[in-house]
Amino acid sequence: MSRVSCLARSLLLLGSLALGWIDLSSAQAQPFQAGDLDGDGRLTVQDLNLLGAYLRGERELTDDQIRAADVDQDGRITEADWQVLQQRIQAATDAPTGQVQLDSAYSGQVVDRLTGQPLAGVEVAIPGAGISVRTDAQGRFRLPGPLPAEEILVARLENYLPYSQSTGNGQTGGDRPWQLQLERWDPNATLVLEANVIRLGDNQYSPKSAAAGQFLAPAQGVEMTRSFSLDRLPPRPPVLRLGSLIGLDTAAAYRAGQSRIPGANMSPMRVLLNGVEVEQIHLGGDDLRIPLPLEHLRLGLNTVTLRTGKTVIQPGRIAGGSRISIPLLGGSLDIFVPLGTDTIGQDGGAWVDYDDVQLANVTIEIPN
């Protein structure tokens, strides 16, 4: 009996070890790591972006991703999980120094423009590329590279004016880190009309159009109007500021290398104050400043409209064919297309093509 009992115990032990080995093998094959939403075994910016998109209501998560999204394991998925994951990613990226290294065009620092002090917790994002990170305690950040060359980078922090900068200004081409300076927001001195990236146009554009790679979201129309109120008229003209503007396909934009369309001849963007045109914008750029004439301001409600440019495609009626006007090198080229019938003038007609552009951060500085 003792031999049988010993044999039985040995078999049970072997069975337990076998089951344990199977369980262990299974666990090793599918390890769980809080924060690893994409399941690649690492904590990366991609995990951070997935969690951020879920918190903003922009995407759903699978059951496994929801489990991983509860980074602090408190049974809820909140902004606190995003913060913890961001800190863990930075700690892993910056080891052994524990700081973001400003060693490439994918890294940078955000500081207060007046004091030069680093700003922690700033959201630095490239909305068109789905990238979003936050600065550490030293105001430093690191973006995943390589970065697209025709996007708008934005930086946001409470009580500061929204900041933007286009990535097509050569910043991404070298090793120089980003240096972003945020301005304190004084509501009495600056009115924020728009703090997001806005796209204008008709969704009809060439792949060679300026910043065409940025056009991921549909256009919101061909113009944008924002209102503001004045309880007194300022002593000097207020200044309308556009944080960033990309995508213009004017002749001037082609000559400046901003558009790759040789025949670009869109009309410039128009700026209207209370329905009166006060400026035309021919070139894109960052921190564009436009004075608003005092004579067109009024007490109470005022409106500013940004209207994208356009061009008219005009088929000309000729017996037996059609003359087509094609934009070319800032002018136009007329060619005759034989049709065999005389129908273009009757059934055809001109159509309007609107310029597709993107802009970010529209503010007005009010002089004291």
Protein backbone atom coordinates (compact mmCIF):
# COMPACT_ATOMS: atom_id res chain seq x y z
CA MET A 1 0.00 0.00 0.00
CA SER A 2 2.83 2.37 0.75
CA ARG A 3 4.22 1.86 -2.75
CA VAL A 4 0.81 2.54 -4.28
CA SER A 5 0.38 5.68 -2.20
CA CYS A 6 3.83 6.87 -3.13
CA LEU A 7 3.12 6.21 -6.81
CA ALA A 8 -0.20 8.02 -6.57
CA ARG A 9 1.41 11.02 -4.94
CA SER A 10 4.12 11.07 -7.62
CA LEU A 11 1.52 10.98 -10.39
CA LEU A 12 -0.43 13.81 -8.75
CA LEU A 13 2.75 15.86 -8.42
CA LEU A 14 3.70 15.25 -12.04
CA GLY A 15 0.19 16.18 -13.11
CA SER A 16 0.32 19.37 -11.08
CA LEU A 17 3.69 20.27 -12.51
CA ALA A 18 2.42 19.59 -16.02
CA LEU A 19 -0.64 21.77 -15.49
CA GLY A 20 1.50 24.46 -13.93
CA TRP A 21 3.88 24.33 -16.89
CA ILE A 22 0.94 24.64 -19.29
CA ASP A 23 -0.47 27.62 -17.37
CA LEU A 24 2.97 29.21 -17.15
CA SER A 25 3.58 28.70 -20.87
CA SER A 26 0.21 30.25 -21.63
CA ALA A 27 0.94 33.22 -19.39
CA GLN A 28 4.34 33.71 -20.97
CA ALA A 29 2.83 33.51 -24.45
CA GLN A 30 0.30 36.25 -23.68
CA PRO A 31 1.78 38.52 -20.98
CA PHE A 32 -0.38 41.35 -19.66
CA GLN A 33 1.08 44.80 -19.18
CA ALA A 34 -1.06 47.71 -18.01
CA GLY A 35 -0.85 50.46 -20.61
CA ASP A 36 0.10 48.21 -23.54
CA LEU A 37 -3.06 48.89 -25.55
CA ASP A 38 -1.67 47.77 -28.91
CA GLY A 39 -0.34 44.50 -27.46
CA ASP A 40 3.21 44.80 -28.78
CA GLY A 41 4.79 44.21 -25.38
CA ARG A 42 6.05 47.80 -25.03
CA LEU A 43 4.76 51.10 -23.68
CA THR A 44 4.94 53.58 -26.54
CA VAL A 45 3.39 56.79 -27.81
CA GLN A 46 1.04 54.65 -29.91
CA ASP A 47 -0.49 53.29 -26.67
CA LEU A 48 -0.80 56.85 -25.38
CA ASN A 49 -2.57 57.98 -28.55
CA LEU A 50 -5.00 55.05 -28.41
CA LEU A 51 -5.89 55.87 -24.81
CA GLY A 52 -6.24 59.57 -25.60
CA ALA A 53 -8.56 58.85 -28.54
CA TYR A 54 -10.71 56.63 -26.29
CA LEU A 55 -10.94 59.29 -23.57
CA ARG A 56 -11.98 61.87 -26.19
CA GLY A 57 -14.69 59.55 -27.48
CA GLU A 58 -13.04 59.21 -30.90
CA ARG A 59 -12.68 55.40 -30.92
CA GLU A 60 -13.75 52.21 -29.19
CA LEU A 61 -11.49 49.67 -27.47
CA THR A 62 -11.59 45.89 -27.35
CA ASP A 63 -12.02 44.09 -24.03
CA ASP A 64 -8.27 43.43 -23.82
CA GLN A 65 -7.51 47.08 -24.62
CA ILE A 66 -9.97 48.27 -21.96
CA ARG A 67 -8.19 46.07 -19.42
CA ALA A 68 -4.83 47.54 -20.48
CA ALA A 69 -6.26 51.08 -20.49
CA ASP A 70 -6.86 50.92 -16.73
CA VAL A 71 -3.22 51.80 -16.16
CA ASP A 72 -3.49 52.60 -12.45
CA GLN A 73 -5.70 49.52 -11.90
CA ASP A 74 -8.42 51.38 -9.99
CA GLY A 75 -11.27 49.89 -12.00
CA ARG A 76 -11.88 53.07 -14.03
CA ILE A 77 -10.46 54.60 -17.20
CA THR A 78 -9.83 58.30 -16.63
CA GLU A 79 -7.40 61.11 -17.40
CA ALA A 80 -5.32 59.82 -14.48
CA ASP A 81 -4.56 56.66 -16.48
CA TRP A 82 -3.34 58.83 -19.36
CA GLN A 83 -1.04 60.76 -17.03
CA VAL A 84 0.40 57.59 -15.46
CA LEU A 85 0.99 56.01 -18.87
CA GLN A 86 2.66 59.17 -20.16
CA GLN A 87 5.00 59.19 -17.16
CA ARG A 88 5.89 55.52 -17.63
CA ILE A 89 6.63 56.03 -21.32
CA GLN A 90 8.87 58.99 -20.55
CA ALA A 91 10.65 57.05 -17.81
CA ALA A 92 11.30 54.17 -20.20
CA THR A 93 12.37 56.45 -23.05
CA ASP A 94 14.67 58.64 -21.00
CA ALA A 95 16.42 56.03 -18.86
CA PRO A 96 18.92 56.24 -17.31
CA THR A 97 18.76 60.03 -17.00
CA GLY A 98 15.03 60.23 -16.22
CA GLN A 99 14.70 63.28 -18.50
CA VAL A 100 13.67 63.80 -22.10
CA GLN A 101 16.85 64.33 -24.09
CA LEU A 102 16.77 67.32 -26.44
CA ASP A 103 18.80 65.55 -29.08
CA SER A 104 16.74 65.66 -32.29
CA ALA A 105 14.01 67.42 -34.25
CA TYR A 106 11.54 65.02 -32.60
CA SER A 107 12.18 66.47 -29.15
CA GLY A 108 11.67 69.92 -27.72
CA GLN A 109 10.86 72.13 -24.77
CA VAL A 110 7.97 74.45 -23.96
CA VAL A 111 8.67 77.55 -21.86
CA ASP A 112 6.89 80.67 -20.67
CA ARG A 113 7.64 83.39 -23.22
CA LEU A 114 8.10 86.10 -20.59
CA THR A 115 9.98 84.27 -17.84
CA GLY A 116 11.65 81.47 -19.78
CA GLN A 117 10.51 78.97 -17.14
CA PRO A 118 9.70 75.45 -18.41
CA LEU A 119 6.01 74.54 -18.54
CA ALA A 120 4.89 71.08 -17.40
CA GLY A 121 1.75 69.29 -18.58
CA VAL A 122 1.49 71.11 -21.92
CA GLU A 123 -0.33 69.15 -24.62
CA VAL A 124 1.83 69.10 -27.75
CA ALA A 125 -0.04 67.60 -30.68
CA ILE A 126 -0.09 67.22 -34.44
CA PRO A 127 -3.83 66.61 -34.99
CA GLY A 128 -3.46 65.71 -38.67
CA ALA A 129 -1.07 62.88 -37.79
CA GLY A 130 -2.90 61.65 -34.68
CA ILE A 131 0.04 62.54 -32.42
CA SER A 132 -0.40 63.87 -28.88
CA VAL A 133 2.08 64.00 -25.98
CA ARG A 134 2.55 66.10 -22.84
CA THR A 135 5.59 67.85 -21.45
CA ASP A 136 7.40 66.59 -18.36
CA ALA A 137 8.39 68.58 -15.28
CA GLN A 138 11.17 70.28 -17.28
CA GLY A 139 8.79 71.26 -20.07
CA ARG A 140 10.37 68.70 -22.38
CA PHE A 141 8.63 66.42 -24.84
CA ARG A 142 9.45 63.87 -27.50
CA LEU A 143 7.44 63.23 -30.67
CA PRO A 144 7.54 59.94 -32.58
CA GLY A 145 9.51 60.33 -35.80
CA PRO A 146 9.75 60.74 -38.66
CA LEU A 147 7.32 63.64 -38.64
CA PRO A 148 5.31 64.64 -41.70
CA ALA A 149 6.60 67.83 -43.32
CA GLU A 150 3.25 69.49 -44.00
CA GLU A 151 1.29 69.52 -40.77
CA ILE A 152 0.34 71.97 -38.04
CA LEU A 153 1.80 71.42 -34.57
CA VAL A 154 -0.21 72.87 -31.67
CA ALA A 155 0.54 73.40 -27.98
CA ARG A 156 -2.13 74.06 -25.37
CA LEU A 157 -2.09 74.83 -21.66
CA GLU A 158 -4.73 76.40 -19.45
CA ASN A 159 -4.32 80.17 -18.94
CA TYR A 160 -2.00 80.41 -21.96
CA LEU A 161 -2.77 81.44 -25.52
CA PRO A 162 -2.98 78.50 -27.92
CA TYR A 163 0.22 78.07 -29.92
CA SER A 164 0.75 76.60 -33.38
CA GLN A 165 3.58 76.15 -35.86
CA SER A 166 3.72 74.50 -39.27
CA THR A 167 6.15 71.59 -39.59
CA GLY A 168 7.04 72.52 -43.16
CA ASN A 169 9.37 75.35 -42.13
CA GLY A 170 12.51 73.22 -42.10
CA GLN A 171 12.20 72.28 -38.43
CA THR A 172 11.82 68.59 -39.24
CA GLY A 173 14.72 68.53 -41.64
CA GLY A 174 17.59 68.77 -39.17
CA ASP A 175 18.58 67.88 -35.64
CA ARG A 176 17.51 71.10 -33.95
CA PRO A 177 14.97 70.50 -31.14
CA TRP A 178 11.71 72.41 -31.02
CA GLN A 179 11.62 75.54 -28.87
CA LEU A 180 8.04 76.60 -28.13
CA GLN A 181 7.23 79.79 -26.22
CA LEU A 182 3.72 80.17 -24.83
CA GLU A 183 2.19 83.53 -23.95
CA ARG A 184 0.13 84.11 -20.83
CA TRP A 185 -3.49 84.81 -21.75
CA ASP A 186 -4.91 88.15 -20.63
CA PRO A 187 -8.63 88.09 -21.56
CA ASN A 188 -8.72 91.89 -21.41
CA ALA A 189 -5.97 92.20 -24.01
CA THR A 190 -6.52 89.21 -26.31
CA LEU A 191 -9.72 87.62 -27.58
CA VAL A 192 -9.54 83.97 -28.63
CA LEU A 193 -11.83 83.43 -31.62
CA GLU A 194 -10.70 79.90 -32.51
CA ALA A 195 -8.33 77.55 -30.68
CA ASN A 196 -8.50 74.51 -32.96
CA VAL A 197 -7.27 73.42 -36.37
CA ILE A 198 -9.91 74.34 -38.97
CA ARG A 199 -10.10 73.22 -42.58
CA LEU A 200 -11.79 75.33 -45.26
CA GLY A 201 -12.51 74.46 -48.90
CA ASP A 202 -14.61 72.18 -51.08
CA ASN A 203 -12.72 68.86 -50.65
CA GLN A 204 -11.53 69.05 -54.28
CA TYR A 205 -7.76 69.37 -54.48
CA SER A 206 -4.70 67.98 -56.20
CA PRO A 207 -2.20 65.73 -54.38
CA LYS A 208 0.32 68.42 -55.36
CA SER A 209 -1.70 71.09 -53.59
CA ALA A 210 0.12 72.87 -50.79
CA ALA A 211 -0.11 70.69 -47.64
CA ALA A 212 -2.45 68.18 -49.32
CA GLY A 213 -1.14 65.48 -46.99
CA GLN A 214 -2.62 67.36 -44.06
CA PHE A 215 -6.17 67.23 -45.42
CA LEU A 216 -7.50 64.26 -43.44
CA ALA A 217 -10.71 65.75 -42.06
CA PRO A 218 -13.42 67.13 -44.38
CA ALA A 219 -13.70 70.85 -44.98
CA GLN A 220 -16.14 72.82 -42.83
CA GLY A 221 -17.12 75.12 -45.68
CA VAL A 222 -15.45 77.81 -47.75
CA GLU A 223 -15.43 80.43 -45.01
CA MET A 224 -15.21 80.77 -41.24
CA THR A 225 -16.95 83.55 -39.32
CA ARG A 226 -16.35 84.36 -35.67
CA SER A 227 -17.91 87.09 -33.53
CA PHE A 228 -16.51 89.30 -30.81
CA SER A 229 -17.87 92.18 -28.77
CA LEU A 230 -16.36 95.57 -27.89
CA ASP A 231 -17.58 97.74 -25.04
CA ARG A 232 -15.26 100.54 -26.19
CA LEU A 233 -13.38 101.40 -29.36
CA PRO A 234 -9.60 100.96 -28.95
CA PRO A 235 -7.22 103.89 -29.56
CA ARG A 236 -5.30 101.93 -32.22
CA PRO A 237 -6.26 99.22 -34.71
CA PRO A 238 -6.62 95.76 -33.15
CA VAL A 239 -4.49 93.01 -34.68
CA LEU A 240 -5.97 89.80 -36.02
CA ARG A 241 -3.47 86.94 -35.56
CA LEU A 242 -3.52 83.59 -37.37
CA GLY A 243 -1.34 81.06 -35.57
CA SER A 244 -0.73 79.00 -38.71
CA LEU A 245 -2.08 78.88 -42.27
CA ILE A 246 -1.13 76.19 -44.81
CA GLY A 247 -2.47 74.97 -48.15
CA LEU A 248 -2.76 78.17 -50.22
CA ASP A 249 -2.49 77.52 -53.96
CA THR A 250 -2.07 81.09 -55.15
CA ALA A 251 0.46 82.10 -57.79
CA ALA A 252 2.52 83.72 -55.03
CA ALA A 253 2.44 80.47 -53.02
CA TYR A 254 3.79 78.55 -56.03
CA ARG A 255 6.60 81.05 -56.56
CA ALA A 256 7.47 80.77 -52.85
CA GLY A 257 7.61 76.98 -53.06
CA GLN A 258 4.54 76.45 -50.86
CA SER A 259 2.44 74.96 -53.68
CA ARG A 260 3.64 72.34 -56.17
CA ILE A 261 1.00 73.15 -58.80
CA PRO A 262 2.71 75.04 -61.67
CA GLY A 263 -0.55 76.64 -62.78
CA ALA A 264 -1.68 77.60 -59.29
CA ASN A 265 -3.86 80.69 -59.65
CA MET A 266 -6.33 80.58 -56.77
CA SER A 267 -7.42 83.98 -55.58
CA PRO A 268 -6.00 84.94 -52.16
CA MET A 269 -7.79 84.30 -48.90
CA ARG A 270 -10.00 87.26 -48.04
CA VAL A 271 -10.31 88.77 -44.56
CA LEU A 272 -13.58 90.59 -43.89
CA LEU A 273 -14.42 92.75 -40.88
CA ASN A 274 -18.16 93.31 -40.47
CA GLY A 275 -18.63 92.33 -44.10
CA VAL A 276 -15.95 94.68 -45.48
CA GLU A 277 -12.78 93.24 -47.02
CA VAL A 278 -9.77 94.56 -45.13
CA GLU A 279 -6.95 92.25 -46.26
CA GLN A 280 -5.93 89.54 -48.72
CA ILE A 281 -3.57 86.70 -47.81
CA HIS A 282 -1.42 85.35 -50.65
CA LEU A 283 1.09 83.26 -48.66
CA GLY A 284 0.78 80.78 -45.82
CA GLY A 285 2.90 80.93 -42.69
CA ASP A 286 2.94 81.18 -38.91
CA ASP A 287 1.87 84.06 -36.67
CA LEU A 288 0.30 86.11 -39.47
CA ARG A 289 -0.73 89.58 -38.24
CA ILE A 290 -3.46 91.68 -39.87
CA PRO A 291 -4.45 95.14 -38.56
CA LEU A 292 -8.21 95.71 -38.37
CA PRO A 293 -9.09 99.28 -39.47
CA LEU A 294 -10.79 101.33 -36.79
CA GLU A 295 -13.31 102.78 -39.25
CA HIS A 296 -14.88 99.35 -39.77
CA LEU A 297 -15.18 98.52 -36.06
CA ARG A 298 -18.30 99.23 -34.04
CA LEU A 299 -19.38 99.11 -30.44
CA GLY A 300 -21.04 95.87 -29.48
CA LEU A 301 -21.04 92.88 -31.81
CA ASN A 302 -18.43 92.56 -34.58
CA THR A 303 -17.65 89.72 -36.98
CA VAL A 304 -14.47 88.50 -38.66
CA THR A 305 -14.71 86.25 -41.71
CA LEU A 306 -11.90 84.26 -43.32
CA ARG A 307 -12.94 83.22 -46.84
CA THR A 308 -10.79 80.83 -48.83
CA GLY A 309 -9.73 81.68 -52.38
CA LYS A 310 -11.19 80.29 -55.57
CA THR A 311 -10.73 80.05 -59.31
CA VAL A 312 -13.35 79.88 -62.06
CA ILE A 313 -13.06 77.17 -64.70
CA GLN A 314 -14.72 78.73 -67.73
CA PRO A 315 -15.42 76.67 -70.89
CA GLY A 316 -15.92 79.03 -73.83
CA ARG A 317 -18.59 78.38 -76.46
CA ILE A 318 -17.30 78.02 -80.01
CA ALA A 319 -19.16 76.37 -82.91
CA GLY A 320 -17.99 72.79 -83.21
CA GLY A 321 -15.85 72.85 -80.07
CA SER A 322 -14.93 74.51 -76.80
CA ARG A 323 -12.20 76.83 -75.62
CA ILE A 324 -10.95 75.76 -72.18
CA SER A 325 -9.01 78.14 -69.97
CA ILE A 326 -6.32 76.30 -67.97
CA PRO A 327 -4.40 77.98 -65.10
CA LEU A 328 -0.69 78.10 -65.94
CA LEU A 329 2.26 79.85 -64.24
CA GLY A 330 0.13 82.46 -62.55
CA GLY A 331 -1.81 83.16 -65.77
CA SER A 332 -3.91 81.00 -68.08
CA LEU A 333 -3.60 78.95 -71.27
CA ASP A 334 -6.54 78.82 -73.70
CA ILE A 335 -6.86 75.66 -75.78
CA PHE A 336 -9.51 74.66 -78.30
CA VAL A 337 -11.16 71.25 -77.86
CA PRO A 338 -13.13 70.08 -80.93
CA LEU A 339 -16.38 68.41 -79.94
CA GLY A 340 -18.17 67.91 -83.23
CA THR A 341 -21.28 69.57 -81.80
CA ASP A 342 -22.20 72.94 -80.42
CA THR A 343 -23.35 71.91 -76.94
CA ILE A 344 -20.90 73.34 -74.42
CA GLY A 345 -22.40 76.78 -74.52
CA GLN A 346 -25.87 75.32 -74.04
CA ASP A 347 -25.49 72.44 -71.62
CA GLY A 348 -22.07 73.11 -70.12
CA GLY A 349 -20.98 76.03 -67.99
CA ALA A 350 -18.42 77.50 -65.68
CA TRP A 351 -17.70 76.00 -62.28
CA VAL A 352 -15.90 77.29 -59.23
CA ASP A 353 -13.00 75.48 -57.56
CA TYR A 354 -12.29 76.62 -53.98
CA ASP A 355 -8.86 76.51 -52.37
CA ASP A 356 -8.52 73.86 -49.63
CA VAL A 357 -6.55 75.26 -46.70
CA GLN A 358 -5.99 74.67 -43.00
CA LEU A 359 -5.54 77.22 -40.27
CA ALA A 360 -5.14 77.18 -36.50
CA ASN A 361 -5.57 79.58 -33.60
CA VAL A 362 -7.34 82.83 -34.48
CA THR A 363 -7.00 85.64 -31.92
CA ILE A 364 -7.42 89.42 -31.76
CA GLU A 365 -5.11 91.70 -29.78
CA ILE A 366 -6.95 94.73 -28.40
CA PRO A 367 -4.72 97.78 -27.67
CA ASN A 368 -5.22 99.53 -24.34
